[in-house]
Amino acid sequence: MLAVADLDLDNGPRTDRSATMRMCAVTRQVRPIDELIRFVVSPSGEVVPDLKRKLPGRGLWVSASRRAVAEAVRRNQFNKGFKRNLRVTATLAADTETLLVRSAIDALAMAAKAGQVVSGFSKVEGALGQRQAPIQVRALIHASDGAADGIRKLDALVRQNARINDESSEFSIVTALTSEQLDLALGRSNVIHAALLAGPASKTFLSRSQILVRYRMADDDKTAGTAARNSD
């Protein structure tokens, strides 16, 4: 609940830990915090995104949408919300997306270190063929700039497995990162396809990739790719 006198700002990350809803400073709509991005003021007086919602100080919330963040900059919403003159870069919307990409890359790297990622077409194909045991594949990752033929073949295998096993659980297909970004996350070159195995680190990556795609796709940006697409 919004148990604060100033609806534009929260009372800080420590006092509002139980909050699950906040008001977007641009749309004035109350939304789940997972659909919003928190912004705070740095010690130097610059507005910065707080993706993990842990930075000190009061925070202002904006819908997790590139257009909404750009609109907040255009309307001078941060100065109005924090009630003082701040340094707000004109590229804040793009800078926020860059941080979201970095966050997804870091999460995928952690999943790989935990042994929850298989990469390479043949290895991914083999993992998909063993979805019941001993390997459980939770998601299929394609580079957003990967060749359509390989993507089509692996997607078809996912659909075939779903029919054979009569699976009702959601299976995610993530295309939020480029091949270069997958290379960076997995520490190898020319990564086009990867399979995400069951585990807590994998859940973190899926959550972060979904936030990234929501940020891009909330405004019907068709170039952004799809993350968490059901395989049916």
Protein backbone atom coordinates (compact mmCIF):
# COMPACT_ATOMS: atom_id res chain seq x y z
CA MET A 1 0.00 0.00 0.00
CA LEU A 2 1.08 3.62 -0.54
CA ALA A 3 1.39 4.56 3.10
CA VAL A 4 3.35 7.76 2.48
CA ALA A 5 2.30 11.40 2.43
CA ASP A 6 4.18 12.14 -0.80
CA LEU A 7 2.89 9.75 -3.45
CA ASP A 8 5.70 10.67 -5.87
CA LEU A 9 8.51 9.51 -3.57
CA ASP A 10 9.01 6.49 -1.38
CA ASN A 11 10.63 6.70 2.05
CA GLY A 12 13.76 4.79 1.09
CA PRO A 13 14.58 1.12 0.46
CA ARG A 14 14.69 0.15 4.13
CA THR A 15 11.33 1.60 5.15
CA ASP A 16 9.36 0.46 2.10
CA ARG A 17 10.57 -3.13 1.82
CA SER A 18 7.04 -4.51 2.20
CA ALA A 19 5.56 -2.30 -0.52
CA THR A 20 4.39 -4.20 -3.57
CA MET A 21 2.74 -1.32 -5.45
CA ARG A 22 3.91 2.16 -6.37
CA MET A 23 2.64 5.06 -8.46
CA CYS A 24 4.30 5.87 -11.78
CA ALA A 25 5.33 9.52 -11.78
CA VAL A 26 4.46 9.81 -15.49
CA THR A 27 1.19 7.92 -15.94
CA ARG A 28 -0.01 8.37 -12.32
CA GLN A 29 -1.09 4.73 -12.35
CA VAL A 30 -0.46 2.47 -9.36
CA ARG A 31 1.33 -0.64 -10.57
CA PRO A 32 3.27 -3.62 -9.15
CA ILE A 33 6.86 -2.65 -8.42
CA ASP A 34 8.06 -5.35 -10.84
CA GLU A 35 6.57 -3.21 -13.62
CA LEU A 36 8.35 -0.06 -12.50
CA ILE A 37 11.89 1.27 -12.19
CA ARG A 38 13.04 3.15 -9.10
CA PHE A 39 15.16 6.28 -9.58
CA VAL A 40 17.22 8.00 -6.89
CA VAL A 41 19.53 11.00 -6.64
CA SER A 42 23.26 10.31 -6.43
CA PRO A 43 25.51 12.23 -4.01
CA SER A 44 26.56 14.41 -6.97
CA GLY A 45 22.94 15.39 -7.65
CA GLU A 46 22.39 13.19 -10.71
CA VAL A 47 19.29 11.06 -11.27
CA VAL A 48 20.23 7.38 -11.60
CA PRO A 49 18.17 4.18 -11.98
CA ASP A 50 18.13 1.86 -8.96
CA LEU A 51 17.42 -1.48 -10.63
CA LYS A 52 17.89 -3.53 -7.45
CA ARG A 53 15.85 -1.07 -5.33
CA LYS A 54 18.57 -0.88 -2.69
CA LEU A 55 20.22 2.51 -3.17
CA PRO A 56 19.81 4.91 -0.22
CA GLY A 57 17.54 7.92 -0.22
CA ARG A 58 13.99 8.48 -1.34
CA GLY A 59 13.04 7.09 -4.72
CA LEU A 60 10.77 8.10 -7.57
CA TRP A 61 9.14 5.36 -9.63
CA VAL A 62 8.52 5.28 -13.38
CA SER A 63 6.90 2.57 -15.49
CA ALA A 64 9.46 0.11 -16.87
CA SER A 65 9.17 1.51 -20.37
CA ARG A 66 11.74 3.36 -22.44
CA ARG A 67 9.08 5.77 -23.60
CA ALA A 68 7.91 6.46 -20.03
CA VAL A 69 11.45 7.22 -18.85
CA ALA A 70 12.04 9.49 -21.85
CA GLU A 71 8.74 11.23 -21.13
CA ALA A 72 9.75 11.73 -17.49
CA VAL A 73 12.90 13.49 -18.71
CA ARG A 74 10.95 15.59 -21.23
CA ARG A 75 8.40 16.69 -18.63
CA ASN A 76 11.07 17.56 -16.10
CA GLN A 77 9.34 15.04 -13.83
CA PHE A 78 12.40 14.22 -11.74
CA ASN A 79 12.95 17.83 -10.67
CA LYS A 80 9.25 18.12 -9.89
CA GLY A 81 9.12 14.85 -7.97
CA PHE A 82 12.26 15.44 -5.91
CA LYS A 83 11.37 19.15 -5.63
CA ARG A 84 14.83 20.43 -6.50
CA ASN A 85 17.06 21.05 -9.48
CA LEU A 86 18.93 17.90 -10.47
CA ARG A 87 21.24 16.74 -13.23
CA VAL A 88 19.12 14.62 -15.56
CA THR A 89 20.91 13.38 -18.65
CA ALA A 90 18.98 13.54 -21.90
CA THR A 91 20.03 9.93 -22.58
CA LEU A 92 18.59 8.57 -19.34
CA ALA A 93 16.15 6.24 -21.14
CA ALA A 94 18.94 4.71 -23.26
CA ASP A 95 21.31 4.59 -20.29
CA THR A 96 18.68 2.72 -18.28
CA GLU A 97 18.32 0.14 -21.05
CA THR A 98 22.10 -0.32 -21.11
CA LEU A 99 22.03 -1.06 -17.38
CA LEU A 100 19.17 -3.54 -17.85
CA VAL A 101 21.17 -5.32 -20.54
CA ARG A 102 24.21 -5.42 -18.27
CA SER A 103 22.06 -6.83 -15.47
CA ALA A 104 20.76 -9.62 -17.72
CA ILE A 105 24.29 -10.43 -18.94
CA ASP A 106 25.57 -10.63 -15.35
CA ALA A 107 22.69 -12.94 -14.37
CA LEU A 108 23.37 -15.25 -17.32
CA ALA A 109 27.07 -15.34 -16.40
CA MET A 110 26.13 -16.37 -12.85
CA ALA A 111 23.84 -19.10 -14.20
CA ALA A 112 26.71 -20.38 -16.37
CA LYS A 113 29.07 -20.46 -13.39
CA ALA A 114 26.43 -22.46 -11.51
CA GLY A 115 26.37 -25.03 -14.32
CA GLN A 116 22.87 -24.05 -15.41
CA VAL A 117 23.66 -23.11 -19.03
CA VAL A 118 24.47 -25.28 -22.05
CA SER A 119 25.61 -23.51 -25.23
CA GLY A 120 26.18 -24.49 -28.85
CA PHE A 121 23.60 -25.85 -31.30
CA SER A 122 24.46 -29.55 -30.87
CA LYS A 123 24.63 -29.40 -27.08
CA VAL A 124 21.38 -27.46 -26.87
CA GLU A 125 19.71 -29.93 -29.22
CA GLY A 126 20.92 -32.79 -27.04
CA ALA A 127 19.73 -31.11 -23.86
CA LEU A 128 16.29 -30.53 -25.35
CA GLY A 129 16.11 -34.22 -26.19
CA GLN A 130 16.57 -35.06 -22.50
CA ARG A 131 14.07 -32.66 -21.00
CA GLN A 132 12.62 -35.19 -18.57
CA ALA A 133 15.79 -36.70 -17.08
CA PRO A 134 18.45 -36.19 -16.09
CA ILE A 135 18.44 -32.65 -17.55
CA GLN A 136 15.57 -30.22 -17.14
CA VAL A 137 15.67 -27.34 -19.62
CA ARG A 138 13.69 -24.33 -18.46
CA ALA A 139 14.37 -21.95 -21.34
CA LEU A 140 15.88 -21.71 -24.79
CA ILE A 141 18.11 -18.71 -25.52
CA HIS A 142 18.71 -17.42 -29.05
CA ALA A 143 20.92 -14.51 -30.05
CA SER A 144 18.65 -11.77 -31.36
CA ASP A 145 20.86 -11.56 -34.45
CA GLY A 146 21.08 -15.33 -34.96
CA ALA A 147 20.25 -17.08 -38.23
CA ALA A 148 16.59 -17.93 -38.65
CA ASP A 149 17.22 -21.54 -39.72
CA GLY A 150 18.85 -22.67 -36.48
CA ILE A 151 16.30 -20.81 -34.39
CA ARG A 152 13.46 -22.45 -36.32
CA LYS A 153 14.89 -25.96 -35.87
CA LEU A 154 15.34 -25.66 -32.11
CA ASP A 155 11.96 -23.98 -31.63
CA ALA A 156 10.36 -26.86 -33.54
CA LEU A 157 12.06 -29.35 -31.23
CA VAL A 158 10.65 -27.51 -28.22
CA ARG A 159 7.15 -27.71 -29.67
CA GLN A 160 7.58 -31.39 -30.49
CA ASN A 161 8.70 -32.18 -26.94
CA ALA A 162 5.76 -30.26 -25.52
CA ARG A 163 3.32 -32.36 -27.58
CA ILE A 164 4.99 -35.67 -26.77
CA ASN A 165 5.26 -35.00 -23.05
CA ASP A 166 1.91 -33.19 -22.80
CA GLU A 167 3.56 -30.43 -20.81
CA SER A 168 1.42 -27.66 -19.40
CA SER A 169 4.19 -25.70 -17.68
CA GLU A 170 5.52 -22.59 -19.37
CA PHE A 171 8.72 -22.84 -21.35
CA SER A 172 10.54 -19.62 -22.10
CA ILE A 173 12.29 -18.65 -25.32
CA VAL A 174 14.60 -15.69 -24.78
CA THR A 175 15.86 -13.50 -27.63
CA ALA A 176 16.73 -10.38 -25.66
CA LEU A 177 20.53 -10.45 -26.12
CA THR A 178 22.79 -10.30 -29.17
CA SER A 179 25.45 -12.88 -29.97
CA GLU A 180 28.14 -10.48 -28.75
CA GLN A 181 26.32 -10.09 -25.45
CA LEU A 182 25.90 -13.85 -25.09
CA ASP A 183 29.64 -14.21 -25.78
CA LEU A 184 30.34 -11.78 -22.96
CA ALA A 185 28.06 -13.60 -20.54
CA LEU A 186 29.31 -17.10 -21.32
CA GLY A 187 32.98 -16.33 -21.89
CA ARG A 188 33.21 -17.85 -25.36
CA SER A 189 32.85 -16.68 -28.95
CA ASN A 190 30.06 -16.95 -31.52
CA VAL A 191 27.31 -18.04 -29.12
CA ILE A 192 23.99 -18.17 -30.97
CA HIS A 193 22.00 -20.75 -28.99
CA ALA A 194 21.96 -21.77 -25.33
CA ALA A 195 19.74 -23.81 -23.05
CA LEU A 196 18.93 -22.66 -19.54
CA LEU A 197 18.74 -25.49 -17.03
CA ALA A 198 16.68 -25.58 -13.85
CA GLY A 199 18.09 -23.70 -10.88
CA PRO A 200 17.85 -20.47 -8.85
CA ALA A 201 20.42 -18.62 -10.97
CA SER A 202 18.37 -19.43 -14.06
CA LYS A 203 15.28 -17.92 -12.43
CA THR A 204 17.20 -14.72 -11.79
CA PHE A 205 18.24 -14.48 -15.43
CA LEU A 206 14.69 -15.10 -16.66
CA SER A 207 13.36 -12.43 -14.33
CA ARG A 208 15.92 -9.87 -15.51
CA SER A 209 15.46 -10.68 -19.18
CA GLN A 210 11.71 -10.27 -18.78
CA ILE A 211 12.23 -6.82 -17.26
CA LEU A 212 14.51 -5.88 -20.16
CA VAL A 213 11.98 -7.02 -22.74
CA ARG A 214 9.14 -5.26 -20.93
CA TYR A 215 11.19 -2.06 -21.00
CA ARG A 216 11.63 -2.40 -24.76
CA MET A 217 8.29 -3.90 -25.71
CA ALA A 218 5.93 -1.85 -23.54
CA ASP A 219 5.78 0.66 -26.38
CA ASP A 220 5.34 -1.99 -29.11
CA ASP A 221 9.00 -1.84 -30.13
CA LYS A 222 9.01 -4.78 -32.51
CA THR A 223 12.80 -4.81 -32.76
CA ALA A 224 13.28 -5.68 -29.11
CA GLY A 225 12.87 -9.43 -29.30
CA THR A 226 10.78 -11.67 -27.07
CA ALA A 227 11.67 -13.08 -23.72
CA ALA A 228 9.38 -15.59 -21.90
CA ARG A 229 7.40 -16.60 -24.97
CA ASN A 230 5.32 -19.72 -24.33
CA SER A 231 6.37 -22.60 -26.55
CA ASP A 232 2.83 -23.58 -27.50
